[in-house]
Amino acid sequence: MANTVKPFQFRQCINIPKSTGYKANSLKQLRDLINLVSDESIYHHTYQYFLKGNLLEYTSDFAQWVGESLEDRALSEQLSNIDPYEYGNISALRKVLINVIDSYLKNFPEPRDALPGSEFYFLDTSAIIFNSGVAARNLAEFLIAIQHVDPASIYFHFFEARSRLGQSVDDFSKWVEEVLGKDDLAEKIRAIDLFMHNIDGIREHLEELITEEVKKDMDSIGQAEQ
């Protein structure tokens, strides 16, 4: 009988940054431009922050700029506490960002400006999505793929799927649950904290969880054969 398991097709995305022509050298300018720029620009500076290779102290470009260029730790922490995945669309996220800055400006109406050369430059991106040529038909193959695929593939399936593609869960746990029927493993994957790890950290956690599950499957097969 032919194997009817739907393979997981690993895809990859390349995000090409583009200048919007907008820049801010003060918190008030940052606030006004957040209200003005496109959804793609907001998306780039929040959701796509997680595509950065290093685990930084902040969770968005806005929070990072406020903390480093304006040296305002209190506001940067407030901005870092905003989880973009809690909001169903960019409009809702944009409103929250503006409200946090407006509230801060009411209490501290004259924060320092950024030094010349440290302005915030608004970018947006054009995404190119393509098949990586890697597929997995079972959990063992899936583990090998997770270990070797490009970081941009991990980002696309674990982060991007939750936002731009309108899903509430990542592609990995969805396939594990719906195709392999491993509900417990799917829940463990969904429990990985997006804010606590960069992409390399996410990969390591996925490897650990899947390796444990593969060992369980092998143990079960061994016991059944005895």
N, C-alpha and C. Protein backbone atom coordinates (compact mmCIF):
# COMPACT_ATOMS: atom_id res chain seq x y z
N MET A 1 0.85 -1.19 0.00
CA MET A 1 0.00 0.00 0.00
C MET A 1 0.88 1.24 0.00
N ALA A 2 0.55 2.23 -0.82
CA ALA A 2 1.34 3.44 -0.92
C ALA A 2 1.23 4.27 0.35
N ASN A 3 2.30 4.95 0.64
CA ASN A 3 2.33 5.83 1.80
C ASN A 3 1.47 7.06 1.52
N THR A 4 0.42 7.27 2.31
CA THR A 4 -0.50 8.38 2.07
C THR A 4 -0.23 9.57 2.98
N VAL A 5 0.83 9.52 3.75
CA VAL A 5 1.15 10.63 4.64
C VAL A 5 1.53 11.85 3.81
N LYS A 6 0.89 12.96 4.07
CA LYS A 6 1.19 14.20 3.37
C LYS A 6 2.53 14.74 3.86
N PRO A 7 3.53 14.84 3.00
CA PRO A 7 4.84 15.30 3.45
C PRO A 7 4.82 16.77 3.83
N PHE A 8 5.72 17.13 4.73
CA PHE A 8 5.88 18.54 5.07
C PHE A 8 6.87 19.14 4.08
N GLN A 9 6.44 20.12 3.33
CA GLN A 9 7.29 20.78 2.35
C GLN A 9 7.87 22.05 2.99
N PHE A 10 9.16 22.05 3.18
CA PHE A 10 9.81 23.22 3.78
C PHE A 10 9.92 24.33 2.73
N ARG A 11 9.43 25.47 3.10
CA ARG A 11 9.51 26.64 2.23
C ARG A 11 10.46 27.65 2.87
N GLN A 12 10.81 28.63 2.12
CA GLN A 12 11.77 29.62 2.60
C GLN A 12 11.35 31.00 2.08
N CYS A 13 11.71 32.02 2.81
CA CYS A 13 11.40 33.36 2.35
C CYS A 13 12.65 34.23 2.41
N ILE A 14 12.75 35.09 1.43
CA ILE A 14 13.79 36.11 1.42
C ILE A 14 13.10 37.46 1.50
N ASN A 15 13.44 38.24 2.48
CA ASN A 15 12.84 39.55 2.65
C ASN A 15 13.84 40.62 2.19
N ILE A 16 13.45 41.35 1.18
CA ILE A 16 14.32 42.38 0.61
C ILE A 16 13.91 43.74 1.18
N PRO A 17 14.75 44.34 2.03
CA PRO A 17 14.38 45.62 2.64
C PRO A 17 14.42 46.77 1.64
N LYS A 18 13.49 47.70 1.81
CA LYS A 18 13.41 48.88 0.96
C LYS A 18 13.23 50.12 1.84
N SER A 19 13.86 51.20 1.47
CA SER A 19 13.70 52.44 2.20
C SER A 19 12.33 53.05 1.91
N THR A 20 11.70 53.58 2.94
CA THR A 20 10.42 54.28 2.76
C THR A 20 10.63 55.77 2.55
N GLY A 21 11.82 56.25 2.83
CA GLY A 21 12.09 57.69 2.75
C GLY A 21 11.76 58.43 4.02
N TYR A 22 11.26 57.72 5.03
CA TYR A 22 10.91 58.36 6.30
C TYR A 22 11.96 58.07 7.36
N LYS A 23 12.25 59.08 8.17
CA LYS A 23 13.14 58.87 9.30
C LYS A 23 12.69 59.75 10.46
N ALA A 24 13.03 59.32 11.67
CA ALA A 24 12.65 60.05 12.88
C ALA A 24 13.89 60.28 13.73
N ASN A 25 13.98 61.48 14.29
CA ASN A 25 15.08 61.75 15.23
C ASN A 25 14.57 62.10 16.62
N SER A 26 13.24 61.97 16.80
CA SER A 26 12.66 62.23 18.12
C SER A 26 11.52 61.25 18.34
N LEU A 27 11.12 61.12 19.59
CA LEU A 27 10.02 60.21 19.91
C LEU A 27 8.72 60.68 19.28
N LYS A 28 8.49 61.99 19.26
CA LYS A 28 7.28 62.52 18.64
C LYS A 28 7.26 62.20 17.15
N GLN A 29 8.39 62.35 16.47
CA GLN A 29 8.44 62.00 15.06
C GLN A 29 8.22 60.50 14.85
N LEU A 30 8.79 59.69 15.72
CA LEU A 30 8.59 58.24 15.62
C LEU A 30 7.11 57.92 15.73
N ARG A 31 6.46 58.54 16.67
CA ARG A 31 5.02 58.30 16.89
C ARG A 31 4.21 58.70 15.66
N ASP A 32 4.49 59.87 15.12
CA ASP A 32 3.73 60.36 13.96
C ASP A 32 3.96 59.49 12.74
N LEU A 33 5.17 58.99 12.57
CA LEU A 33 5.47 58.17 11.41
C LEU A 33 4.93 56.75 11.55
N ILE A 34 4.89 56.24 12.77
CA ILE A 34 4.23 54.95 12.99
C ILE A 34 2.78 55.03 12.53
N ASN A 35 2.18 56.18 12.73
CA ASN A 35 0.79 56.41 12.32
C ASN A 35 0.65 56.55 10.80
N LEU A 36 1.76 56.87 10.13
CA LEU A 36 1.71 57.21 8.71
C LEU A 36 2.17 56.10 7.78
N VAL A 37 3.21 55.36 8.17
CA VAL A 37 3.83 54.41 7.25
C VAL A 37 2.91 53.23 6.94
N SER A 38 3.29 52.47 5.96
CA SER A 38 2.48 51.34 5.50
C SER A 38 2.46 50.20 6.51
N ASP A 39 1.51 49.30 6.34
CA ASP A 39 1.45 48.10 7.17
C ASP A 39 2.72 47.28 7.01
N GLU A 40 3.25 47.24 5.78
CA GLU A 40 4.47 46.47 5.54
C GLU A 40 5.63 46.99 6.38
N SER A 41 5.71 48.29 6.56
CA SER A 41 6.79 48.87 7.37
C SER A 41 6.63 48.49 8.84
N ILE A 42 5.40 48.59 9.36
CA ILE A 42 5.15 48.17 10.74
C ILE A 42 5.49 46.70 10.91
N TYR A 43 5.09 45.90 9.94
CA TYR A 43 5.37 44.46 9.99
C TYR A 43 6.87 44.21 10.03
N HIS A 44 7.61 44.91 9.18
CA HIS A 44 9.06 44.73 9.13
C HIS A 44 9.71 45.03 10.47
N HIS A 45 9.29 46.08 11.13
CA HIS A 45 9.97 46.52 12.35
C HIS A 45 9.48 45.81 13.61
N THR A 46 8.45 44.98 13.48
CA THR A 46 7.94 44.25 14.65
C THR A 46 8.07 42.74 14.42
N TYR A 47 7.21 42.17 13.59
CA TYR A 47 7.22 40.72 13.37
C TYR A 47 8.56 40.24 12.82
N GLN A 48 9.12 40.95 11.85
CA GLN A 48 10.34 40.48 11.22
C GLN A 48 11.58 40.76 12.05
N TYR A 49 11.41 41.41 13.19
CA TYR A 49 12.53 41.59 14.12
C TYR A 49 13.11 40.23 14.52
N PHE A 50 12.24 39.22 14.54
CA PHE A 50 12.66 37.89 14.99
C PHE A 50 13.52 37.18 13.95
N LEU A 51 13.60 37.74 12.75
CA LEU A 51 14.45 37.16 11.73
C LEU A 51 15.91 37.53 11.94
N LYS A 52 16.19 38.45 12.84
CA LYS A 52 17.57 38.86 13.12
C LYS A 52 18.33 37.69 13.73
N GLY A 53 19.59 37.58 13.38
CA GLY A 53 20.37 36.43 13.81
C GLY A 53 20.69 36.41 15.29
N ASN A 54 20.86 37.57 15.89
CA ASN A 54 21.27 37.61 17.29
C ASN A 54 20.08 37.83 18.20
N LEU A 55 20.13 37.23 19.37
CA LEU A 55 19.09 37.46 20.36
C LEU A 55 19.39 38.78 21.04
N LEU A 56 18.57 39.78 20.76
CA LEU A 56 18.79 41.11 21.30
C LEU A 56 17.93 41.33 22.53
N GLU A 57 18.19 42.42 23.20
CA GLU A 57 17.51 42.72 24.45
C GLU A 57 16.07 43.13 24.23
N TYR A 58 15.76 43.58 23.03
CA TYR A 58 14.43 44.13 22.75
C TYR A 58 13.65 43.20 21.83
N THR A 59 12.38 43.51 21.60
CA THR A 59 11.54 42.63 20.78
C THR A 59 10.98 43.34 19.56
N SER A 60 11.46 44.53 19.26
CA SER A 60 11.09 45.22 18.03
C SER A 60 12.15 46.27 17.74
N ASP A 61 12.21 46.70 16.49
CA ASP A 61 13.15 47.76 16.13
C ASP A 61 12.81 49.06 16.85
N PHE A 62 11.53 49.29 17.08
CA PHE A 62 11.11 50.51 17.78
C PHE A 62 11.66 50.52 19.21
N ALA A 63 11.49 49.42 19.91
CA ALA A 63 11.98 49.32 21.28
C ALA A 63 13.49 49.45 21.34
N GLN A 64 14.16 48.83 20.37
CA GLN A 64 15.62 48.89 20.34
C GLN A 64 16.11 50.33 20.13
N TRP A 65 15.48 51.05 19.21
CA TRP A 65 15.90 52.43 18.93
C TRP A 65 15.65 53.34 20.13
N VAL A 66 14.49 53.19 20.74
CA VAL A 66 14.17 54.00 21.91
C VAL A 66 15.16 53.72 23.04
N GLY A 67 15.51 52.46 23.24
CA GLY A 67 16.42 52.11 24.32
C GLY A 67 17.86 52.52 24.05
N GLU A 68 18.31 52.39 22.81
CA GLU A 68 19.72 52.64 22.51
C GLU A 68 19.99 54.07 22.02
N SER A 69 19.15 54.57 21.12
CA SER A 69 19.41 55.89 20.56
C SER A 69 18.84 57.02 21.41
N LEU A 70 17.67 56.79 22.00
CA LEU A 70 17.09 57.80 22.89
C LEU A 70 17.46 57.56 24.34
N GLU A 71 18.04 56.41 24.63
CA GLU A 71 18.47 56.03 25.98
C GLU A 71 17.33 56.13 26.99
N ASP A 72 16.16 55.66 26.55
CA ASP A 72 14.97 55.69 27.41
C ASP A 72 14.58 54.25 27.73
N ARG A 73 15.13 53.74 28.80
CA ARG A 73 14.94 52.34 29.15
C ARG A 73 13.49 52.03 29.55
N ALA A 74 12.85 52.98 30.22
CA ALA A 74 11.48 52.74 30.70
C ALA A 74 10.53 52.53 29.52
N LEU A 75 10.60 53.40 28.53
CA LEU A 75 9.72 53.26 27.38
C LEU A 75 10.10 52.06 26.53
N SER A 76 11.39 51.80 26.38
CA SER A 76 11.82 50.64 25.58
C SER A 76 11.28 49.35 26.18
N GLU A 77 11.21 49.27 27.50
CA GLU A 77 10.66 48.08 28.14
C GLU A 77 9.17 47.95 27.86
N GLN A 78 8.46 49.10 27.88
CA GLN A 78 7.03 49.06 27.57
C GLN A 78 6.79 48.60 26.14
N LEU A 79 7.59 49.09 25.22
CA LEU A 79 7.44 48.69 23.83
C LEU A 79 7.83 47.22 23.63
N SER A 80 8.84 46.77 24.38
CA SER A 80 9.26 45.37 24.28
C SER A 80 8.21 44.42 24.83
N ASN A 81 7.34 44.92 25.70
CA ASN A 81 6.29 44.07 26.27
C ASN A 81 5.11 43.88 25.32
N ILE A 82 5.11 44.60 24.22
CA ILE A 82 4.03 44.45 23.24
C ILE A 82 4.30 43.20 22.39
N ASP A 83 3.39 42.25 22.47
CA ASP A 83 3.51 41.01 21.70
C ASP A 83 2.70 41.16 20.42
N PRO A 84 3.35 41.30 19.27
CA PRO A 84 2.58 41.50 18.03
C PRO A 84 1.64 40.35 17.70
N TYR A 85 1.95 39.15 18.21
CA TYR A 85 1.13 38.00 17.90
C TYR A 85 -0.18 37.97 18.69
N GLU A 86 -0.34 38.93 19.59
CA GLU A 86 -1.60 39.03 20.31
C GLU A 86 -2.66 39.77 19.51
N TYR A 87 -2.25 40.38 18.41
CA TYR A 87 -3.17 41.23 17.67
C TYR A 87 -3.46 40.63 16.30
N GLY A 88 -4.72 40.73 15.90
CA GLY A 88 -5.15 40.05 14.69
C GLY A 88 -4.75 40.73 13.40
N ASN A 89 -4.33 41.98 13.48
CA ASN A 89 -3.94 42.69 12.27
C ASN A 89 -2.98 43.82 12.61
N ILE A 90 -2.37 44.39 11.58
CA ILE A 90 -1.39 45.45 11.78
C ILE A 90 -2.04 46.71 12.33
N SER A 91 -3.27 46.98 11.93
CA SER A 91 -3.96 48.18 12.41
C SER A 91 -4.08 48.17 13.93
N ALA A 92 -4.42 47.01 14.50
CA ALA A 92 -4.53 46.91 15.95
C ALA A 92 -3.18 47.09 16.62
N LEU A 93 -2.14 46.49 16.04
CA LEU A 93 -0.80 46.63 16.59
C LEU A 93 -0.33 48.07 16.50
N ARG A 94 -0.58 48.72 15.38
CA ARG A 94 -0.19 50.12 15.19
C ARG A 94 -0.83 51.00 16.27
N LYS A 95 -2.11 50.75 16.53
CA LYS A 95 -2.83 51.54 17.53
C LYS A 95 -2.22 51.37 18.91
N VAL A 96 -1.84 50.15 19.26
CA VAL A 96 -1.23 49.89 20.57
C VAL A 96 0.11 50.61 20.68
N LEU A 97 0.93 50.55 19.64
CA LEU A 97 2.22 51.24 19.65
C LEU A 97 2.04 52.73 19.87
N ILE A 98 1.09 53.33 19.16
CA ILE A 98 0.85 54.76 19.29
C ILE A 98 0.33 55.10 20.68
N ASN A 99 -0.58 54.27 21.20
CA ASN A 99 -1.13 54.54 22.53
C ASN A 99 -0.06 54.50 23.61
N VAL A 100 0.86 53.55 23.51
CA VAL A 100 1.94 53.45 24.50
C VAL A 100 2.82 54.70 24.45
N ILE A 101 3.16 55.15 23.24
CA ILE A 101 4.01 56.34 23.11
C ILE A 101 3.26 57.58 23.56
N ASP A 102 1.98 57.71 23.20
CA ASP A 102 1.18 58.87 23.62
C ASP A 102 1.09 58.96 25.13
N SER A 103 0.86 57.81 25.78
CA SER A 103 0.77 57.79 27.23
C SER A 103 2.08 58.24 27.85
N TYR A 104 3.18 57.80 27.26
CA TYR A 104 4.49 58.17 27.79
C TYR A 104 4.74 59.66 27.61
N LEU A 105 4.38 60.20 26.45
CA LEU A 105 4.61 61.62 26.19
C LEU A 105 3.78 62.53 27.09
N LYS A 106 2.65 62.05 27.58
CA LYS A 106 1.87 62.85 28.51
C LYS A 106 2.61 63.07 29.82
N ASN A 107 3.35 62.05 30.24
CA ASN A 107 4.10 62.16 31.50
C ASN A 107 5.49 62.75 31.30
N PHE A 108 6.07 62.51 30.12
CA PHE A 108 7.42 63.01 29.83
C PHE A 108 7.38 63.70 28.45
N PRO A 109 6.87 64.93 28.41
CA PRO A 109 6.61 65.59 27.12
C PRO A 109 7.85 66.00 26.35
N GLU A 110 9.02 66.00 26.94
CA GLU A 110 10.22 66.47 26.25
C GLU A 110 11.38 65.47 26.38
N PRO A 111 11.22 64.28 25.85
CA PRO A 111 12.34 63.33 25.89
C PRO A 111 13.46 63.80 24.97
N ARG A 112 14.64 63.29 25.19
CA ARG A 112 15.79 63.70 24.39
C ARG A 112 15.64 63.23 22.95
N ASP A 113 16.27 63.96 22.04
CA ASP A 113 16.31 63.55 20.64
C ASP A 113 17.50 62.63 20.40
N ALA A 114 17.46 61.93 19.27
CA ALA A 114 18.59 61.09 18.89
C ALA A 114 19.73 61.97 18.38
N LEU A 115 20.94 61.54 18.59
CA LEU A 115 22.09 62.25 18.08
C LEU A 115 22.15 62.12 16.56
N PRO A 116 22.76 63.09 15.87
CA PRO A 116 22.91 62.97 14.42
C PRO A 116 23.57 61.65 14.03
N GLY A 117 22.99 60.99 13.06
CA GLY A 117 23.49 59.69 12.64
C GLY A 117 22.81 58.53 13.32
N SER A 118 21.97 58.82 14.31
CA SER A 118 21.27 57.76 15.05
C SER A 118 19.76 57.82 14.83
N GLU A 119 19.34 58.42 13.75
CA GLU A 119 17.91 58.52 13.47
C GLU A 119 17.31 57.13 13.20
N PHE A 120 16.00 57.04 13.35
CA PHE A 120 15.29 55.79 13.03
C PHE A 120 14.85 55.86 11.57
N TYR A 121 15.30 54.93 10.76
CA TYR A 121 14.94 54.86 9.35
C TYR A 121 13.88 53.79 9.15
N PHE A 122 12.73 54.22 8.66
CA PHE A 122 11.64 53.28 8.41
C PHE A 122 11.89 52.52 7.11
N LEU A 123 11.78 51.21 7.20
CA LEU A 123 11.94 50.32 6.05
C LEU A 123 10.67 49.51 5.87
N ASP A 124 10.49 48.98 4.69
CA ASP A 124 9.54 47.89 4.52
C ASP A 124 10.23 46.82 3.66
N THR A 125 9.55 45.75 3.39
CA THR A 125 10.20 44.65 2.69
C THR A 125 9.31 44.07 1.61
N SER A 126 9.97 43.50 0.62
CA SER A 126 9.29 42.66 -0.37
C SER A 126 9.70 41.22 -0.09
N ALA A 127 8.71 40.36 0.08
CA ALA A 127 8.99 38.96 0.43
C ALA A 127 8.95 38.08 -0.81
N ILE A 128 9.97 37.25 -0.96
CA ILE A 128 10.01 36.24 -2.01
C ILE A 128 9.95 34.87 -1.32
N ILE A 129 8.92 34.11 -1.60
CA ILE A 129 8.70 32.82 -0.95
C ILE A 129 8.85 31.72 -1.99
N PHE A 130 9.61 30.69 -1.65
CA PHE A 130 9.86 29.62 -2.60
C PHE A 130 10.06 28.29 -1.87
N ASN A 131 9.91 27.20 -2.61
CA ASN A 131 10.09 25.86 -2.06
C ASN A 131 11.58 25.60 -1.88
N SER A 132 11.97 25.14 -0.71
CA SER A 132 13.39 24.90 -0.42
C SER A 132 13.90 23.61 -1.04
N GLY A 133 12.99 22.75 -1.50
CA GLY A 133 13.39 21.46 -2.04
C GLY A 133 13.55 20.39 -0.98
N VAL A 134 13.23 20.70 0.27
CA VAL A 134 13.35 19.75 1.37
C VAL A 134 11.95 19.35 1.82
N ALA A 135 11.74 18.04 1.98
CA ALA A 135 10.44 17.54 2.42
C ALA A 135 10.65 16.44 3.45
N ALA A 136 9.67 16.25 4.33
CA ALA A 136 9.73 15.21 5.35
C ALA A 136 8.43 14.41 5.32
N ARG A 137 8.56 13.09 5.33
CA ARG A 137 7.39 12.21 5.28
C ARG A 137 7.11 11.54 6.63
N ASN A 138 8.03 11.67 7.55
CA ASN A 138 7.83 11.12 8.89
C ASN A 138 8.62 11.96 9.88
N LEU A 139 8.52 11.61 11.15
CA LEU A 139 9.13 12.45 12.19
C LEU A 139 10.65 12.41 12.14
N ALA A 140 11.21 11.27 11.78
CA ALA A 140 12.67 11.16 11.70
C ALA A 140 13.21 12.06 10.59
N GLU A 141 12.57 12.05 9.45
CA GLU A 141 12.99 12.92 8.36
C GLU A 141 12.77 14.39 8.73
N PHE A 142 11.71 14.64 9.44
CA PHE A 142 11.41 16.00 9.89
C PHE A 142 12.51 16.52 10.82
N LEU A 143 13.00 15.66 11.69
CA LEU A 143 14.08 16.02 12.61
C LEU A 143 15.34 16.38 11.84
N ILE A 144 15.70 15.57 10.87
CA ILE A 144 16.90 15.84 10.07
C ILE A 144 16.75 17.18 9.33
N ALA A 145 15.57 17.42 8.80
CA ALA A 145 15.34 18.66 8.08
C ALA A 145 15.46 19.87 9.00
N ILE A 146 14.87 19.77 10.18
CA ILE A 146 14.92 20.88 11.15
C ILE A 146 16.37 21.21 11.48
N GLN A 147 17.20 20.20 11.54
CA GLN A 147 18.61 20.41 11.90
C GLN A 147 19.39 21.14 10.81
N HIS A 148 18.93 21.07 9.57
CA HIS A 148 19.77 21.53 8.46
C HIS A 148 19.17 22.63 7.59
N VAL A 149 17.86 22.86 7.67
CA VAL A 149 17.29 23.88 6.79
C VAL A 149 17.79 25.27 7.15
N ASP A 150 17.70 26.16 6.22
CA ASP A 150 18.13 27.54 6.41
C ASP A 150 17.31 28.21 7.52
N PRO A 151 17.92 29.09 8.30
CA PRO A 151 17.18 29.81 9.35
C PRO A 151 15.94 30.51 8.82
N ALA A 152 15.98 31.00 7.58
CA ALA A 152 14.83 31.68 7.01
C ALA A 152 13.64 30.74 6.86
N SER A 153 13.90 29.44 6.72
CA SER A 153 12.82 28.46 6.64
C SER A 153 12.18 28.28 8.02
N ILE A 154 13.01 28.22 9.06
CA ILE A 154 12.48 28.15 10.43
C ILE A 154 11.62 29.38 10.71
N TYR A 155 12.13 30.54 10.32
CA TYR A 155 11.37 31.78 10.52
C TYR A 155 10.02 31.71 9.80
N PHE A 156 10.05 31.30 8.54
CA PHE A 156 8.83 31.31 7.75
C PHE A 156 7.75 30.42 8.36
N HIS A 157 8.13 29.22 8.76
CA HIS A 157 7.14 28.25 9.24
C HIS A 157 6.77 28.45 10.71
N PHE A 158 7.69 29.01 11.50
CA PHE A 158 7.40 29.13 12.94
C PHE A 158 6.88 30.51 13.31
N PHE A 159 7.39 31.55 12.67
CA PHE A 159 6.96 32.91 12.99
C PHE A 159 5.96 33.45 11.97
N GLU A 160 6.37 33.45 10.72
CA GLU A 160 5.57 34.12 9.70
C GLU A 160 4.19 33.49 9.54
N ALA A 161 4.09 32.20 9.70
CA ALA A 161 2.80 31.52 9.54
C ALA A 161 1.76 32.03 10.53
N ARG A 162 2.20 32.51 11.68
CA ARG A 162 1.27 32.97 12.71
C ARG A 162 0.69 34.35 12.41
N SER A 163 1.33 35.06 11.54
CA SER A 163 0.93 36.45 11.34
C SER A 163 0.45 36.71 9.91
N ARG A 164 1.38 36.82 8.98
CA ARG A 164 1.00 37.20 7.62
C ARG A 164 0.05 36.19 6.99
N LEU A 165 0.18 34.92 7.29
CA LEU A 165 -0.65 33.90 6.67
C LEU A 165 -1.97 33.68 7.39
N GLY A 166 -2.22 34.44 8.46
CA GLY A 166 -3.50 34.41 9.13
C GLY A 166 -3.77 33.16 9.94
N GLN A 167 -2.74 32.52 10.42
CA GLN A 167 -2.90 31.33 11.24
C GLN A 167 -2.62 31.66 12.70
N SER A 168 -3.27 30.95 13.59
CA SER A 168 -3.02 31.16 15.01
C SER A 168 -1.93 30.24 15.53
N VAL A 169 -1.50 29.30 14.69
CA VAL A 169 -0.45 28.36 15.11
C VAL A 169 0.62 28.30 14.03
N ASP A 170 1.75 27.72 14.37
CA ASP A 170 2.84 27.58 13.41
C ASP A 170 2.61 26.37 12.51
N ASP A 171 3.30 26.36 11.37
CA ASP A 171 3.15 25.26 10.41
C ASP A 171 3.65 23.93 10.95
N PHE A 172 4.71 23.96 11.77
CA PHE A 172 5.30 22.72 12.27
C PHE A 172 4.30 21.95 13.15
N SER A 173 3.77 22.63 14.17
CA SER A 173 2.86 21.96 15.09
C SER A 173 1.57 21.55 14.37
N LYS A 174 1.16 22.34 13.40
CA LYS A 174 -0.06 22.01 12.65
C LYS A 174 0.12 20.70 11.90
N TRP A 175 1.27 20.52 11.23
CA TRP A 175 1.53 19.28 10.49
C TRP A 175 1.68 18.10 11.44
N VAL A 176 2.40 18.31 12.53
CA VAL A 176 2.60 17.24 13.52
C VAL A 176 1.27 16.76 14.07
N GLU A 177 0.36 17.68 14.29
CA GLU A 177 -0.95 17.34 14.85
C GLU A 177 -1.87 16.73 13.80
N GLU A 178 -2.02 17.41 12.67
CA GLU A 178 -3.03 17.01 11.69
C GLU A 178 -2.60 15.81 10.84
N VAL A 179 -1.30 15.70 10.54
CA VAL A 179 -0.83 14.63 9.66
C VAL A 179 -0.29 13.44 10.45
N LEU A 180 0.53 13.72 11.47
CA LEU A 180 1.11 12.63 12.25
C LEU A 180 0.25 12.22 13.44
N GLY A 181 -0.71 13.07 13.80
CA GLY A 181 -1.60 12.73 14.92
C GLY A 181 -0.94 12.80 16.28
N LYS A 182 0.12 13.57 16.40
CA LYS A 182 0.84 13.68 17.67
C LYS A 182 0.45 14.98 18.37
N ASP A 183 -0.68 14.93 19.06
CA ASP A 183 -1.22 16.13 19.69
C ASP A 183 -0.32 16.67 20.79
N ASP A 184 0.23 15.77 21.60
CA ASP A 184 1.08 16.21 22.72
C ASP A 184 2.32 16.94 22.21
N LEU A 185 2.95 16.40 21.18
CA LEU A 185 4.13 17.04 20.61
C LEU A 185 3.76 18.39 20.01
N ALA A 186 2.62 18.45 19.37
CA ALA A 186 2.17 19.72 18.79
C ALA A 186 2.01 20.78 19.87
N GLU A 187 1.44 20.41 20.98
CA GLU A 187 1.26 21.36 22.08
C GLU A 187 2.59 21.83 22.64
N LYS A 188 3.54 20.92 22.73
CA LYS A 188 4.87 21.29 23.22
C LYS A 188 5.55 22.28 22.28
N ILE A 189 5.39 22.07 20.99
CA ILE A 189 5.98 22.98 20.01
C ILE A 189 5.34 24.36 20.13
N ARG A 190 4.02 24.38 20.29
CA ARG A 190 3.32 25.67 20.42
C ARG A 190 3.66 26.40 21.71
N ALA A 191 4.14 25.66 22.68
CA ALA A 191 4.47 26.28 23.97
C ALA A 191 5.84 26.95 23.96
N ILE A 192 6.63 26.77 22.91
CA ILE A 192 7.93 27.44 22.83
C ILE A 192 7.71 28.94 22.78
N ASP A 193 8.36 29.67 23.66
CA ASP A 193 8.16 31.11 23.79
C ASP A 193 8.90 31.84 22.68
N LEU A 194 8.15 32.55 21.84
CA LEU A 194 8.76 33.28 20.73
C LEU A 194 9.71 34.37 21.19
N PHE A 195 9.39 34.97 22.32
CA PHE A 195 10.15 36.13 22.78
C PHE A 195 11.44 35.75 23.50
N MET A 196 11.57 34.51 23.89
CA MET A 196 12.72 34.12 24.70
C MET A 196 13.88 33.58 23.87
N HIS A 197 13.67 33.37 22.57
CA HIS A 197 14.70 32.72 21.77
C HIS A 197 14.81 33.37 20.40
N ASN A 198 16.04 33.40 19.88
CA ASN A 198 16.20 33.74 18.48
C ASN A 198 15.95 32.49 17.64
N ILE A 199 16.18 32.57 16.34
CA ILE A 199 15.85 31.43 15.47
C ILE A 199 16.70 30.21 15.81
N ASP A 200 17.97 30.43 16.13
CA ASP A 200 18.82 29.29 16.52
C ASP A 200 18.28 28.62 17.78
N GLY A 201 17.79 29.44 18.71
CA GLY A 201 17.22 28.89 19.94
C GLY A 201 15.95 28.11 19.66
N ILE A 202 15.11 28.63 18.75
CA ILE A 202 13.90 27.90 18.36
C ILE A 202 14.26 26.57 17.73
N ARG A 203 15.27 26.57 16.86
CA ARG A 203 15.70 25.33 16.22
C ARG A 203 16.14 24.30 17.27
N GLU A 204 16.92 24.75 18.25
CA GLU A 204 17.40 23.84 19.30
C GLU A 204 16.25 23.23 20.08
N HIS A 205 15.25 24.04 20.41
CA HIS A 205 14.10 23.51 21.15
C HIS A 205 13.31 22.52 20.30
N LEU A 206 13.15 22.84 19.02
CA LEU A 206 12.46 21.90 18.14
C LEU A 206 13.22 20.58 18.06
N GLU A 207 14.54 20.65 17.90
CA GLU A 207 15.36 19.43 17.84
C GLU A 207 15.17 18.60 19.11
N GLU A 208 15.21 19.26 20.25
CA GLU A 208 15.10 18.55 21.52
C GLU A 208 13.76 17.84 21.64
N LEU A 209 12.68 18.55 21.32
CA LEU A 209 11.34 17.96 21.44
C LEU A 209 11.13 16.82 20.46
N ILE A 210 11.57 17.01 19.22
CA ILE A 210 11.35 15.98 18.20
C ILE A 210 12.24 14.77 18.44
N THR A 211 13.48 15.00 18.89
CA THR A 211 14.37 13.88 19.21
C THR A 211 13.77 13.02 20.31
N GLU A 212 13.22 13.65 21.31
CA GLU A 212 12.58 12.92 22.42
C GLU A 212 11.41 12.07 21.90
N GLU A 213 10.63 12.65 20.98
CA GLU A 213 9.48 11.93 20.44
C GLU A 213 9.92 10.76 19.55
N VAL A 214 10.97 10.97 18.75
CA VAL A 214 11.49 9.89 17.91
C VAL A 214 11.98 8.73 18.76
N LYS A 215 12.67 9.03 19.87
CA LYS A 215 13.14 7.98 20.78
C LYS A 215 11.97 7.20 21.38
N LYS A 216 10.91 7.91 21.71
CA LYS A 216 9.72 7.23 22.24
C LYS A 216 9.15 6.27 21.20
N ASP A 217 9.09 6.73 19.95
CA ASP A 217 8.55 5.88 18.90
C ASP A 217 9.43 4.64 18.71
N MET A 218 10.74 4.82 18.76
CA MET A 218 11.65 3.69 18.59
C MET A 218 11.52 2.71 19.74
N ASP A 219 11.37 3.23 20.95
CA ASP A 219 11.17 2.36 22.11
C ASP A 219 9.90 1.56 21.98
N SER A 220 8.84 2.19 21.49
CA SER A 220 7.55 1.50 21.33
C SER A 220 7.65 0.40 20.30
N ILE A 221 8.39 0.65 19.20
CA ILE A 221 8.57 -0.37 18.18
C ILE A 221 9.37 -1.54 18.74
N GLY A 222 10.41 -1.21 19.51
CA GLY A 222 11.23 -2.28 20.10
C GLY A 222 10.45 -3.15 21.05
N GLN A 223 9.59 -2.54 21.86
CA GLN A 223 8.80 -3.30 22.81
C GLN A 223 7.76 -4.17 22.08
N ALA A 224 7.22 -3.64 20.98
CA ALA A 224 6.23 -4.39 20.22
C ALA A 224 6.84 -5.61 19.54
N GLU A 225 8.12 -5.53 19.20
CA GLU A 225 8.79 -6.63 18.52
C GLU A 225 9.29 -7.72 19.46
N GLN A 226 9.29 -7.43 20.76
CA GLN A 226 9.78 -8.43 21.72
C GLN A 226 8.72 -9.53 21.95
